[in-house]
N, C-alpha and C. Protein backbone atom coordinates (compact mmCIF):
# COMPACT_ATOMS: atom_id res chain seq x y z
N UNK A 1 10.91 -20.33 -31.65
CA UNK A 1 10.74 -18.86 -31.12
C UNK A 1 9.51 -18.86 -30.65
N UNK A 2 9.46 -17.53 -29.85
CA UNK A 2 8.06 -17.46 -28.99
C UNK A 2 6.92 -17.20 -29.77
N UNK A 3 5.49 -17.40 -29.51
CA UNK A 3 4.52 -17.31 -30.31
C UNK A 3 3.61 -16.23 -29.60
N UNK A 4 3.19 -15.38 -30.55
CA UNK A 4 2.28 -14.34 -30.19
C UNK A 4 0.84 -14.83 -29.52
N UNK A 5 0.25 -14.15 -28.52
CA UNK A 5 -0.89 -14.41 -28.10
C UNK A 5 -2.01 -13.79 -28.56
N UNK A 6 -2.88 -14.07 -29.53
CA UNK A 6 -3.59 -13.04 -30.33
C UNK A 6 -4.75 -12.40 -29.42
N UNK A 7 -5.01 -13.01 -27.73
CA UNK A 7 -6.08 -13.01 -27.41
C UNK A 7 -5.55 -11.76 -26.01
N UNK A 8 -4.15 -11.49 -26.14
CA UNK A 8 -3.54 -10.78 -25.41
C UNK A 8 -3.38 -9.51 -26.10
N UNK A 9 -2.69 -9.23 -27.22
CA UNK A 9 -2.21 -8.72 -27.91
C UNK A 9 -3.63 -7.99 -28.75
N UNK A 10 -3.91 -6.83 -28.76
CA UNK A 10 -4.63 -5.99 -29.55
C UNK A 10 -3.91 -4.58 -29.51
N UNK A 11 -4.33 -4.07 -30.89
CA UNK A 11 -4.80 -4.17 -32.52
C UNK A 11 -3.71 -5.24 -32.67
N UNK A 12 -4.36 -5.94 -34.04
CA UNK A 12 -3.44 -6.72 -34.81
C UNK A 12 -2.03 -6.24 -34.92
N UNK A 13 -1.73 -4.90 -35.29
CA UNK A 13 -0.69 -4.37 -35.47
C UNK A 13 0.73 -4.90 -34.12
N UNK A 14 -0.08 -5.15 -33.29
CA UNK A 14 1.14 -5.13 -32.08
C UNK A 14 1.61 -6.23 -32.38
N UNK A 15 0.79 -7.32 -33.26
CA UNK A 15 1.62 -8.75 -33.35
C UNK A 15 2.81 -8.25 -34.21
N UNK A 16 2.69 -7.72 -34.68
CA UNK A 16 3.92 -6.97 -35.74
C UNK A 16 5.19 -6.32 -35.30
N UNK A 17 4.89 -5.94 -34.12
CA UNK A 17 5.83 -5.38 -33.33
C UNK A 17 6.32 -6.65 -32.86
N UNK A 18 5.85 -7.71 -32.40
CA UNK A 18 6.32 -8.94 -31.44
C UNK A 18 7.08 -9.90 -32.43
N UNK A 19 6.78 -10.02 -33.90
CA UNK A 19 7.57 -10.31 -34.52
C UNK A 19 8.76 -9.81 -35.20
N UNK A 20 8.40 -8.35 -35.53
CA UNK A 20 9.68 -7.54 -35.60
C UNK A 20 11.08 -7.83 -34.48
N UNK A 21 10.39 -7.51 -33.19
CA UNK A 21 11.15 -8.40 -32.25
C UNK A 21 12.45 -9.24 -31.98
N UNK A 22 11.37 -10.23 -32.36
CA UNK A 22 11.90 -11.29 -32.34
C UNK A 22 12.13 -11.86 -33.60
N UNK A 23 13.01 -11.17 -34.27
CA UNK A 23 14.00 -11.00 -35.62
C UNK A 23 13.27 -11.50 -37.25
N UNK A 24 12.21 -11.21 -36.91
CA UNK A 24 11.57 -11.57 -38.06
C UNK A 24 11.28 -10.54 -39.15
N UNK A 25 11.88 -10.47 -40.19
CA UNK A 25 12.50 -9.48 -41.16
C UNK A 25 11.57 -8.99 -41.86
N UNK A 26 10.59 -9.49 -42.19
CA UNK A 26 9.64 -8.69 -43.26
C UNK A 26 8.53 -8.04 -42.09
N UNK A 27 8.90 -7.28 -42.04
CA UNK A 27 7.80 -6.24 -41.07
C UNK A 27 7.78 -4.55 -41.24
N UNK A 28 6.68 -4.26 -41.39
CA UNK A 28 6.56 -2.54 -41.73
C UNK A 28 6.11 -2.11 -40.35
N UNK A 29 7.09 -1.30 -39.82
CA UNK A 29 6.40 -0.50 -38.29
C UNK A 29 5.13 0.01 -38.43
N UNK A 30 4.15 -0.29 -37.37
CA UNK A 30 2.84 0.00 -37.78
C UNK A 30 2.99 1.72 -37.11
N UNK A 31 1.93 2.58 -37.31
CA UNK A 31 2.41 4.11 -36.87
C UNK A 31 2.31 4.49 -35.50
N UNK A 32 1.51 3.54 -34.65
CA UNK A 32 1.56 3.77 -33.08
C UNK A 32 0.92 2.26 -32.09
N UNK A 33 2.31 1.78 -32.43
CA UNK A 33 2.51 0.24 -31.75
C UNK A 33 2.38 -0.09 -30.17
N UNK A 34 2.03 -0.68 -29.47
CA UNK A 34 1.90 -0.49 -27.97
C UNK A 34 2.99 -0.98 -27.77
N UNK A 35 3.63 -0.32 -26.49
CA UNK A 35 4.97 -0.77 -26.40
C UNK A 35 5.23 -2.28 -26.02
N UNK A 36 6.49 -2.49 -26.25
CA UNK A 36 6.74 -4.23 -25.90
C UNK A 36 8.07 -4.18 -25.05
N UNK A 37 8.33 -5.12 -24.44
CA UNK A 37 9.13 -5.18 -23.34
C UNK A 37 9.68 -6.73 -23.95
N UNK A 38 10.77 -7.18 -23.11
CA UNK A 38 11.44 -8.98 -23.21
C UNK A 38 12.18 -8.79 -21.76
N UNK A 39 11.54 -9.57 -21.11
CA UNK A 39 12.05 -9.99 -19.47
C UNK A 39 12.72 -11.27 -19.56
N UNK A 40 14.30 -11.19 -19.88
CA UNK A 40 14.80 -11.93 -19.79
C UNK A 40 15.69 -12.76 -18.29
N UNK A 41 14.98 -13.74 -18.54
CA UNK A 41 15.53 -14.50 -17.05
C UNK A 41 16.44 -15.69 -17.04
N UNK A 42 17.18 -16.58 -16.19
CA UNK A 42 17.63 -17.48 -16.34
C UNK A 42 17.06 -18.71 -16.78
N UNK A 43 15.72 -18.74 -16.86
CA UNK A 43 14.94 -19.90 -17.40
C UNK A 43 14.33 -19.54 -18.55
N UNK A 44 14.78 -18.36 -19.42
CA UNK A 44 14.26 -18.30 -20.50
C UNK A 44 13.86 -16.77 -20.48
N UNK A 45 13.03 -16.30 -21.59
CA UNK A 45 12.81 -15.12 -22.37
C UNK A 45 11.11 -15.03 -22.00
N UNK A 46 10.58 -13.60 -21.85
CA UNK A 46 8.91 -13.39 -22.01
C UNK A 46 8.81 -11.93 -22.46
N UNK A 47 8.52 -12.18 -23.38
CA UNK A 47 7.89 -11.19 -24.32
C UNK A 47 6.48 -10.26 -23.44
N UNK A 48 6.68 -9.33 -23.57
CA UNK A 48 4.69 -8.88 -23.02
C UNK A 48 4.93 -7.29 -23.80
N UNK A 49 3.63 -7.32 -24.03
CA UNK A 49 2.81 -6.19 -24.61
C UNK A 49 2.33 -5.14 -23.51
N UNK A 50 2.46 -4.02 -23.82
CA UNK A 50 1.61 -3.49 -22.38
C UNK A 50 0.49 -2.33 -23.04
N UNK A 51 -0.09 -2.34 -22.33
CA UNK A 51 -1.70 -1.98 -22.70
C UNK A 51 -1.74 -0.16 -22.62
N UNK A 52 -1.02 0.43 -23.14
CA UNK A 52 -0.98 1.80 -22.76
C UNK A 52 -2.26 2.70 -22.83
N UNK A 53 -3.05 2.49 -23.99
CA UNK A 53 -4.54 3.29 -24.35
C UNK A 53 -5.22 2.83 -23.03
N UNK A 54 -4.88 1.84 -22.47
CA UNK A 54 -6.15 1.40 -21.59
C UNK A 54 -5.59 1.57 -19.63
N UNK A 55 -4.54 1.40 -19.99
CA UNK A 55 -3.80 1.90 -18.29
C UNK A 55 -2.61 2.75 -18.52
N UNK A 56 -2.78 3.93 -19.29
CA UNK A 56 -1.33 4.49 -18.75
C UNK A 56 -0.70 4.93 -17.81
N UNK A 57 -1.18 5.25 -16.86
CA UNK A 57 -0.38 5.30 -15.43
C UNK A 57 0.39 3.89 -15.10
N UNK A 58 -0.52 3.08 -15.17
CA UNK A 58 0.13 1.92 -14.74
C UNK A 58 1.65 1.08 -15.59
N UNK A 59 1.20 1.62 -16.85
CA UNK A 59 2.18 1.08 -17.88
C UNK A 59 3.46 2.25 -17.82
N UNK A 60 2.89 3.91 -17.89
CA UNK A 60 4.57 4.45 -17.52
C UNK A 60 5.08 4.41 -16.19
N UNK A 61 4.34 3.97 -15.42
CA UNK A 61 5.05 3.49 -14.05
C UNK A 61 6.08 2.41 -14.24
N UNK A 62 5.71 1.09 -14.88
CA UNK A 62 6.33 0.23 -14.98
C UNK A 62 7.63 0.29 -15.94
N UNK A 63 7.33 1.03 -17.00
CA UNK A 63 8.75 1.53 -18.34
C UNK A 63 9.34 2.33 -17.36
N UNK A 64 8.95 3.11 -16.45
CA UNK A 64 10.32 4.00 -15.66
C UNK A 64 11.29 3.18 -15.13
N UNK A 65 10.39 2.30 -14.48
CA UNK A 65 11.76 0.89 -13.65
C UNK A 65 12.41 0.36 -15.04
N UNK A 66 11.72 -0.07 -15.87
CA UNK A 66 12.78 -0.21 -17.00
C UNK A 66 13.79 0.69 -17.28
N UNK A 67 13.38 1.59 -17.96
CA UNK A 67 14.23 2.49 -18.07
C UNK A 67 15.34 2.72 -17.28
N UNK A 68 14.67 2.80 -16.01
CA UNK A 68 16.10 3.02 -14.59
C UNK A 68 16.84 1.50 -14.66
N UNK A 69 16.78 0.43 -15.17
CA UNK A 69 16.98 -0.78 -15.65
C UNK A 69 17.09 -1.51 -13.66
N UNK A 70 16.11 -0.97 -13.14
CA UNK A 70 15.56 -1.36 -12.06
C UNK A 70 15.40 -2.99 -11.80
N UNK A 71 14.95 -3.76 -12.56
CA UNK A 71 14.50 -4.83 -12.90
C UNK A 71 15.50 -6.13 -12.79
N UNK A 72 17.13 -5.09 -13.54
CA UNK A 72 18.38 -6.13 -13.82
C UNK A 72 18.67 -6.38 -12.60
N UNK A 73 19.22 -7.60 -12.34
CA UNK A 73 19.51 -8.37 -11.43
C UNK A 73 18.13 -8.57 -10.21
N UNK A 74 17.06 -8.39 -10.87
CA UNK A 74 15.73 -8.52 -9.85
C UNK A 74 15.91 -10.02 -9.48
N UNK A 75 14.17 -10.70 -9.36
CA UNK A 75 14.18 -12.22 -9.38
C UNK A 75 13.05 -12.50 -9.54
N UNK A 76 12.11 -13.44 -9.88
CA UNK A 76 10.85 -13.59 -9.83
C UNK A 76 11.05 -14.79 -8.48
N UNK A 77 10.22 -14.27 -7.62
CA UNK A 77 10.63 -14.91 -6.48
C UNK A 77 9.48 -15.46 -5.79
N UNK A 78 8.28 -15.42 -6.26
CA UNK A 78 7.21 -16.17 -5.62
C UNK A 78 6.52 -16.88 -6.87
N UNK A 79 5.69 -17.72 -6.32
CA UNK A 79 4.70 -18.68 -7.11
C UNK A 79 3.48 -19.08 -6.28
N UNK A 80 2.60 -18.56 -6.73
CA UNK A 80 1.05 -19.26 -6.13
C UNK A 80 0.68 -20.16 -6.93
N UNK A 81 0.06 -21.32 -6.55
CA UNK A 81 -0.54 -22.57 -7.05
C UNK A 81 -1.92 -22.30 -6.34
N UNK A 82 -3.22 -22.38 -7.25
CA UNK A 82 -4.38 -22.71 -6.74
C UNK A 82 -4.83 -23.95 -6.20
N UNK A 83 -4.22 -25.18 -6.32
CA UNK A 83 -4.39 -26.28 -5.69
C UNK A 83 -3.76 -26.01 -4.61
N UNK A 84 -2.52 -25.45 -3.98
CA UNK A 84 -2.21 -25.70 -2.85
C UNK A 84 -2.19 -24.36 -1.84
N UNK A 85 -3.05 -23.60 -2.76
CA UNK A 85 -3.21 -22.15 -1.98
C UNK A 85 -5.01 -21.83 -1.21
N UNK A 86 -4.20 -21.78 0.25
CA UNK A 86 -5.31 -21.83 1.28
C UNK A 86 -6.29 -20.49 1.68
N UNK A 87 -6.04 -19.78 0.23
CA UNK A 87 -7.20 -18.54 0.27
C UNK A 87 -8.16 -19.06 -0.07
N UNK A 88 -9.61 -18.19 0.24
CA UNK A 88 -10.80 -19.08 -0.36
C UNK A 88 -10.97 -18.41 -1.45
N UNK A 89 -10.17 -17.32 -2.57
CA UNK A 89 -9.78 -17.28 -3.67
C UNK A 89 -8.71 -17.60 -4.48
N UNK A 90 -8.69 -18.73 -4.49
CA UNK A 90 -7.31 -19.22 -5.26
C UNK A 90 -6.87 -18.93 -6.68
N UNK A 91 -5.20 -18.37 -6.68
CA UNK A 91 -5.41 -18.00 -8.06
C UNK A 91 -3.77 -18.71 -8.79
N UNK A 92 -3.34 -18.59 -9.61
CA UNK A 92 -1.98 -19.35 -9.95
C UNK A 92 -1.59 -17.84 -10.63
N UNK A 93 -0.15 -17.51 -10.00
CA UNK A 93 0.65 -16.51 -10.47
C UNK A 93 2.18 -16.47 -10.29
N UNK A 94 2.80 -15.77 -10.80
CA UNK A 94 4.07 -15.87 -10.66
C UNK A 94 4.12 -13.98 -10.09
N UNK A 95 5.42 -13.88 -9.06
CA UNK A 95 5.07 -12.32 -8.69
C UNK A 95 6.93 -12.13 -8.89
N UNK A 96 7.41 -10.73 -9.41
CA UNK A 96 8.33 -10.37 -9.70
C UNK A 96 8.96 -8.80 -8.81
N UNK A 97 9.98 -9.04 -8.64
CA UNK A 97 10.61 -8.08 -8.09
C UNK A 97 11.63 -7.13 -8.26
N UNK A 98 12.06 -6.04 -8.09
CA UNK A 98 13.32 -5.22 -8.77
C UNK A 98 14.69 -5.87 -7.93
N UNK A 99 15.85 -5.42 -8.04
CA UNK A 99 17.20 -5.75 -7.41
C UNK A 99 16.99 -5.30 -6.14
N UNK A 100 16.42 -4.53 -5.59
CA UNK A 100 16.18 -3.97 -4.06
C UNK A 100 14.91 -5.05 -3.36
N UNK A 101 14.16 -5.58 -4.39
CA UNK A 101 13.41 -6.74 -3.38
C UNK A 101 11.97 -6.09 -3.60
N UNK A 102 10.82 -7.11 -2.82
CA UNK A 102 9.56 -6.82 -3.18
C UNK A 102 8.90 -5.53 -2.84
N UNK A 103 10.07 -5.12 -1.47
CA UNK A 103 8.98 -3.80 -0.80
C UNK A 103 9.98 -2.71 -1.76
N UNK A 104 10.29 -2.52 -2.65
CA UNK A 104 11.17 -1.70 -3.27
C UNK A 104 10.21 -0.68 -3.53
N UNK A 105 10.04 0.76 -2.80
CA UNK A 105 9.40 1.91 -2.97
C UNK A 105 9.30 2.34 -4.30
N UNK A 106 10.79 2.06 -4.78
CA UNK A 106 10.72 2.94 -5.90
C UNK A 106 10.61 4.37 -6.11
N UNK A 107 10.01 4.88 -7.09
CA UNK A 107 9.43 6.46 -7.34
C UNK A 107 8.21 6.70 -6.63
N UNK A 108 7.65 5.66 -5.80
CA UNK A 108 6.49 5.77 -4.72
C UNK A 108 4.93 5.07 -5.46
N UNK A 109 3.96 5.33 -4.80
CA UNK A 109 3.00 4.54 -4.62
C UNK A 109 2.46 5.22 -6.05
N UNK A 110 1.32 4.60 -6.79
CA UNK A 110 0.68 4.91 -7.82
C UNK A 110 -0.48 4.78 -8.09
N UNK A 111 -1.76 5.63 -8.80
CA UNK A 111 -2.97 5.37 -8.29
C UNK A 111 -3.54 4.14 -9.20
N UNK A 112 -4.22 3.37 -8.17
CA UNK A 112 -5.12 2.02 -8.97
C UNK A 112 -6.08 2.43 -10.14
N UNK A 113 -5.48 1.60 -11.30
CA UNK A 113 -6.39 1.66 -12.68
C UNK A 113 -7.15 0.50 -12.54
N UNK A 114 -7.99 0.62 -11.99
CA UNK A 114 -9.21 -0.40 -11.63
C UNK A 114 -9.68 -1.15 -13.15
N UNK A 115 -9.67 -2.53 -12.84
CA UNK A 115 -10.27 -2.98 -14.29
C UNK A 115 -11.69 -2.74 -14.43
N UNK A 116 -12.52 -1.98 -13.65
CA UNK A 116 -13.65 -1.62 -14.16
C UNK A 116 -13.78 -0.45 -15.14
N UNK A 117 -12.41 0.12 -14.77
CA UNK A 117 -12.30 1.31 -15.59
C UNK A 117 -11.36 1.03 -16.70
N UNK A 118 -10.59 0.07 -17.17
CA UNK A 118 -9.85 -0.19 -17.89
C UNK A 118 -10.35 -0.91 -19.18
N UNK A 119 -11.32 -1.92 -18.60
CA UNK A 119 -11.93 -2.98 -19.38
C UNK A 119 -11.04 -4.06 -19.68
N UNK A 120 -9.77 -4.10 -18.93
CA UNK A 120 -8.77 -5.08 -18.71
C UNK A 120 -9.40 -6.33 -17.96
N UNK A 121 -8.86 -7.48 -17.96
CA UNK A 121 -9.12 -8.54 -17.30
C UNK A 121 -7.89 -9.52 -17.00
N UNK A 122 -7.88 -9.85 -15.99
CA UNK A 122 -6.87 -11.12 -15.65
C UNK A 122 -6.83 -12.35 -16.21
N UNK A 123 -6.48 -12.42 -17.18
CA UNK A 123 -6.79 -13.44 -18.20
C UNK A 123 -5.47 -14.28 -18.36
N UNK A 124 -5.51 -15.71 -18.29
CA UNK A 124 -4.28 -16.10 -18.24
C UNK A 124 -3.00 -15.43 -19.35
N UNK A 125 -1.96 -15.10 -18.58
CA UNK A 125 -0.75 -14.22 -19.46
C UNK A 125 -0.66 -12.80 -19.11
N UNK A 126 -1.62 -12.18 -18.57
CA UNK A 126 -1.84 -10.92 -18.13
C UNK A 126 -0.46 -10.64 -16.71
N UNK A 127 -0.29 -9.46 -17.26
CA UNK A 127 0.58 -8.71 -16.40
C UNK A 127 0.08 -7.75 -15.52
N UNK A 128 0.32 -7.81 -14.05
CA UNK A 128 -0.66 -6.76 -13.39
C UNK A 128 0.25 -6.28 -11.90
N UNK A 129 -0.14 -5.38 -11.86
CA UNK A 129 0.75 -4.61 -10.30
C UNK A 129 0.40 -5.38 -9.07
N UNK A 130 1.50 -5.72 -8.08
CA UNK A 130 0.90 -6.29 -6.91
C UNK A 130 0.61 -5.22 -5.78
N UNK A 131 -0.07 -5.19 -5.16
CA UNK A 131 -0.01 -3.82 -3.90
C UNK A 131 -0.62 -4.58 -2.77
N UNK A 132 -0.87 -3.89 -1.91
CA UNK A 132 -1.46 -4.26 -0.32
C UNK A 132 -3.36 -3.33 -0.70
N UNK A 133 -2.99 -1.95 0.28
CA UNK A 133 -4.39 -1.32 -0.05
C UNK A 133 -4.23 -0.38 -1.81
N UNK A 134 -5.69 0.04 -2.04
CA UNK A 134 -5.68 1.03 -2.85
C UNK A 134 -4.48 1.85 -3.21
N UNK A 135 -4.27 2.07 -4.48
CA UNK A 135 -3.11 2.97 -4.37
C UNK A 135 -1.93 2.86 -3.83
N UNK A 136 -1.65 1.65 -3.93
CA UNK A 136 -0.12 1.41 -3.07
C UNK A 136 0.77 0.78 -3.85
N UNK A 137 0.34 0.33 -5.02
CA UNK A 137 1.32 -0.36 -6.29
C UNK A 137 2.70 0.58 -6.39
N UNK A 138 4.12 -0.26 -5.95
CA UNK A 138 5.10 0.74 -6.53
C UNK A 138 6.17 -0.22 -7.84
N UNK A 139 6.71 -1.26 -7.15
CA UNK A 139 7.79 -1.68 -8.64
C UNK A 139 7.54 -3.11 -8.80
N UNK A 140 6.85 -3.96 -7.57
CA UNK A 140 6.75 -5.62 -8.07
C UNK A 140 5.39 -5.81 -8.98
N UNK A 141 5.98 -6.59 -9.88
CA UNK A 141 4.64 -7.19 -10.80
C UNK A 141 4.45 -8.56 -10.59
N UNK A 142 2.96 -9.19 -11.44
CA UNK A 142 3.14 -10.56 -11.15
C UNK A 142 2.71 -10.94 -12.68
N UNK A 143 2.67 -12.12 -13.01
CA UNK A 143 1.67 -12.73 -14.27
C UNK A 143 0.83 -13.65 -13.89
N UNK A 144 -0.06 -13.81 -14.41
CA UNK A 144 -1.60 -14.32 -14.41
C UNK A 144 -1.06 -15.79 -14.78
N UNK A 145 -1.09 -17.15 -14.84
CA UNK A 145 -0.97 -18.58 -14.80
C UNK A 145 -2.07 -19.02 -15.77
N UNK A 146 -3.21 -18.73 -15.03
CA UNK A 146 -4.87 -19.12 -15.53
C UNK A 146 -5.65 -17.76 -15.20
N UNK A 147 -6.67 -18.03 -16.20
CA UNK A 147 -7.49 -17.40 -15.62
C UNK A 147 -8.12 -16.71 -14.43
N UNK A 148 -8.11 -15.59 -14.02
CA UNK A 148 -8.15 -15.16 -12.61
C UNK A 148 -9.08 -14.11 -12.24
N UNK A 149 -10.82 -14.17 -12.33
CA UNK A 149 -11.51 -13.10 -11.97
C UNK A 149 -11.51 -12.55 -10.88
N UNK A 150 -10.88 -13.23 -9.97
CA UNK A 150 -10.69 -12.93 -8.31
C UNK A 150 -9.98 -11.81 -8.68
N UNK A 151 -9.14 -11.57 -9.17
CA UNK A 151 -8.21 -10.41 -9.17
C UNK A 151 -8.70 -9.29 -10.02
N UNK A 152 -9.82 -9.17 -10.50
CA UNK A 152 -10.56 -8.07 -11.10
C UNK A 152 -11.26 -7.47 -10.43
N UNK A 153 -11.78 -6.02 -10.38
CA UNK A 153 -12.37 -5.36 -9.77
C UNK A 153 -14.00 -5.97 -9.32
N UNK A 154 -14.04 -6.06 -8.18
CA UNK A 154 -14.93 -6.96 -7.79
C UNK A 154 -14.83 -8.37 -7.04
N UNK A 155 -13.52 -8.77 -7.31
CA UNK A 155 -13.13 -9.87 -6.92
C UNK A 155 -12.76 -9.79 -5.99
N UNK A 156 -12.11 -10.91 -4.86
CA UNK A 156 -12.30 -10.47 -3.21
C UNK A 156 -10.74 -11.23 -3.10
N UNK A 157 -10.04 -11.63 -4.31
CA UNK A 157 -8.53 -12.02 -3.92
C UNK A 157 -7.85 -10.80 -2.65
N UNK A 158 -8.28 -9.91 -3.13
CA UNK A 158 -8.13 -8.65 -1.98
C UNK A 158 -9.16 -8.30 -1.51
N UNK A 159 -9.46 -8.43 0.05
CA UNK A 159 -10.81 -8.06 0.60
C UNK A 159 -11.64 -6.79 0.10
N UNK A 160 -10.67 -5.92 -0.42
CA UNK A 160 -11.39 -4.65 -0.35
C UNK A 160 -12.03 -4.68 -1.53
N UNK A 161 -11.79 -5.72 -2.69
CA UNK A 161 -12.75 -5.62 -3.69
C UNK A 161 -12.31 -4.80 -4.83
N UNK A 162 -11.36 -4.21 -4.56
CA UNK A 162 -11.30 -3.25 -5.97
C UNK A 162 -10.02 -3.72 -6.77
N UNK A 163 -9.74 -4.82 -6.68
CA UNK A 163 -9.20 -5.65 -7.67
C UNK A 163 -7.52 -4.86 -8.02
N UNK A 164 -6.71 -5.83 -9.13
CA UNK A 164 -5.36 -5.21 -9.37
C UNK A 164 -5.34 -4.59 -10.49
N UNK A 165 -4.24 -3.98 -11.06
CA UNK A 165 -4.17 -3.02 -12.15
C UNK A 165 -3.66 -3.72 -13.11
N UNK A 166 -4.50 -4.45 -13.90
CA UNK A 166 -3.93 -5.29 -15.26
C UNK A 166 -3.12 -4.38 -15.95
N UNK A 167 -1.90 -4.55 -16.82
CA UNK A 167 -1.51 -3.30 -17.69
C UNK A 167 -0.91 -4.08 -18.71
N UNK A 168 -1.10 -5.11 -19.04
CA UNK A 168 -0.49 -6.01 -20.36
C UNK A 168 -0.90 -7.63 -20.35
N UNK A 169 -0.03 -7.99 -21.32
CA UNK A 169 -0.18 -9.78 -21.53
C UNK A 169 1.33 -9.76 -22.06
N UNK A 170 1.31 -11.19 -21.91
CA UNK A 170 2.53 -12.07 -22.51
C UNK A 170 2.02 -12.73 -23.95
N UNK A 171 3.15 -12.18 -24.80
CA UNK A 171 2.96 -12.10 -25.98
C UNK A 171 4.17 -13.37 -26.33
N UNK A 172 4.81 -13.82 -26.00
CA UNK A 172 5.75 -14.83 -26.10
C UNK A 172 6.40 -15.27 -24.85
N UNK A 173 6.43 -16.90 -24.88
CA UNK A 173 7.34 -17.19 -23.58
C UNK A 173 6.55 -17.12 -22.22
N UNK A 174 5.34 -18.03 -22.66
CA UNK A 174 3.97 -18.56 -21.64
C UNK A 174 4.62 -19.66 -21.33
N UNK A 175 5.40 -20.32 -21.92
CA UNK A 175 6.26 -21.76 -21.12
C UNK A 175 6.90 -21.51 -20.31
N UNK A 176 7.75 -20.32 -20.27
CA UNK A 176 8.89 -20.26 -19.29
C UNK A 176 7.76 -19.40 -18.16
N UNK A 177 6.83 -18.90 -18.29
CA UNK A 177 6.03 -18.49 -17.25
C UNK A 177 5.35 -19.96 -16.24
N UNK A 178 5.17 -20.86 -17.19
CA UNK A 178 4.33 -21.79 -16.64
C UNK A 178 5.69 -22.75 -16.06
N UNK A 179 6.39 -22.68 -16.59
CA UNK A 179 7.91 -23.41 -16.01
C UNK A 179 8.55 -23.19 -14.58
N UNK A 180 8.31 -21.63 -14.40
CA UNK A 180 8.66 -20.82 -13.26
C UNK A 180 7.57 -21.20 -12.29
N UNK A 181 6.28 -21.19 -12.46
CA UNK A 181 5.41 -21.37 -11.44
C UNK A 181 5.52 -22.54 -11.11
N UNK A 182 6.06 -23.78 -11.68
CA UNK A 182 5.86 -25.17 -11.15
C UNK A 182 7.35 -25.41 -10.29
N UNK A 183 8.19 -24.44 -10.33
CA UNK A 183 9.46 -24.68 -9.58
C UNK A 183 9.01 -24.92 -8.07
N UNK A 184 10.17 -25.71 -7.31
CA UNK A 184 10.28 -25.96 -6.00
C UNK A 184 9.60 -24.49 -4.96
N UNK A 185 8.96 -24.68 -4.17
CA UNK A 185 8.42 -23.64 -3.35
C UNK A 185 7.92 -23.91 -1.51
N UNK A 186 8.45 -22.85 -0.88
CA UNK A 186 7.76 -23.23 0.58
C UNK A 186 6.97 -22.44 0.80
N UNK A 187 6.10 -22.28 1.02
CA UNK A 187 4.86 -20.90 1.60
C UNK A 187 5.12 -19.94 0.10
N UNK A 188 4.87 -20.40 -0.96
CA UNK A 188 4.75 -19.51 -2.05
C UNK A 188 6.14 -18.65 -2.33
N UNK A 189 7.30 -19.12 -1.73
CA UNK A 189 8.69 -18.59 -2.16
C UNK A 189 9.56 -19.51 -2.14
N UNK A 190 10.04 -19.35 -3.98
CA UNK A 190 10.47 -20.16 -4.68
C UNK A 190 11.87 -20.40 -4.00
N UNK A 191 12.53 -21.68 -3.72
CA UNK A 191 13.82 -22.40 -3.41
C UNK A 191 14.79 -21.32 -4.00
N UNK A 192 15.11 -21.37 -4.97
CA UNK A 192 15.96 -21.02 -5.55
C UNK A 192 15.24 -19.93 -6.87
N UNK A 193 15.55 -18.62 -6.20
CA UNK A 193 14.21 -17.24 -6.90
C UNK A 193 15.23 -17.27 -8.17
N UNK A 194 14.19 -16.84 -9.44
CA UNK A 194 14.88 -17.03 -10.93
C UNK A 194 15.32 -15.63 -11.18
N UNK A 195 16.62 -15.57 -11.34
CA UNK A 195 17.30 -14.73 -11.80
C UNK A 195 16.51 -13.61 -12.79
N UNK A 196 16.48 -12.34 -12.70
CA UNK A 196 16.17 -11.25 -13.82
C UNK A 196 17.27 -10.67 -14.29
N UNK A 197 17.72 -11.27 -15.64
CA UNK A 197 18.88 -10.78 -16.02
C UNK A 197 19.27 -9.08 -16.62
N UNK A 198 17.66 -9.02 -17.16
CA UNK A 198 17.44 -7.64 -17.49
C UNK A 198 15.99 -7.60 -18.22
N UNK A 199 15.40 -6.22 -18.03
CA UNK A 199 13.98 -6.12 -19.11
C UNK A 199 14.52 -4.89 -19.67
N UNK A 200 14.07 -5.15 -20.99
CA UNK A 200 14.29 -4.15 -22.23
C UNK A 200 13.23 -3.53 -23.12
N UNK A 201 12.97 -2.55 -23.17
CA UNK A 201 11.77 -2.43 -24.07
C UNK A 201 12.31 -2.14 -25.62
N UNK A 202 11.54 -2.34 -26.28
CA UNK A 202 12.04 -2.87 -27.69
C UNK A 202 11.32 -2.06 -28.82
N UNK A 203 10.54 -0.99 -28.11
CA UNK A 203 9.68 -0.19 -28.60
C UNK A 203 10.40 1.60 -28.23
N UNK A 204 9.91 2.62 -28.96
CA UNK A 204 10.40 3.66 -28.62
C UNK A 204 9.62 3.82 -26.81
N UNK A 205 10.30 4.89 -26.17
CA UNK A 205 9.46 5.15 -25.06
C UNK A 205 8.53 5.95 -24.95
N UNK A 206 7.23 5.52 -24.87
CA UNK A 206 5.79 6.24 -25.38
C UNK A 206 6.02 7.84 -24.87
N UNK A 207 5.31 8.60 -25.97
CA UNK A 207 5.34 10.43 -25.31
C UNK A 207 4.41 10.40 -24.30
N UNK A 208 3.63 9.47 -23.91
CA UNK A 208 2.50 9.83 -22.89
C UNK A 208 3.30 9.42 -21.87
N UNK A 209 4.17 8.99 -21.51
CA UNK A 209 4.84 8.77 -20.23
C UNK A 209 6.29 9.99 -20.11
N UNK A 210 6.28 10.56 -20.99
CA UNK A 210 7.41 11.71 -20.92
C UNK A 210 6.84 12.89 -20.36
N UNK A 211 7.29 13.42 -18.99
CA UNK A 211 6.86 14.25 -17.81
C UNK A 211 7.61 15.49 -18.23
């Protein structure tokens, strides 16, 4: 059974959501659970809690792709390992894309919710949006394997210093994330990309995201 990470999931009610999603029977739904999704891959499952109260725009954007099943038949195609990364601000992450690939423009770019404003940080297990310039994130996301302050606002992984939009964290399946990061790769491209079988939300679609 996947183990919830209390450092990532707050408030405590979110842990109950995870337990229920993983088949624990003795659970009473909290009044306002954070959204929970399960990313099913051919390497195993990853449960992710989404911080909708801190990063509502980014969470809603991600969930619209989930609702559209855009990540089904997508892939985890990239692994970045600090020890072999020649960037002056090395990081450890894996990156995923929809079935249309990492350049899928989807519903269009979204405003960047900076960690300066959300209070979130790129700790191990954090899910965040890939981007080029500010306000350019669309559909591709990544999961942090080791704490990476360089991805926060003020960090210089991206030279503009604006950081990336953290919007949730792994609640179970971090072993799967680490196993994917360790797969053989060339120039950060996984030799045999990990297939995403499906991404499904296990809580109701948030009212905040309804247009």
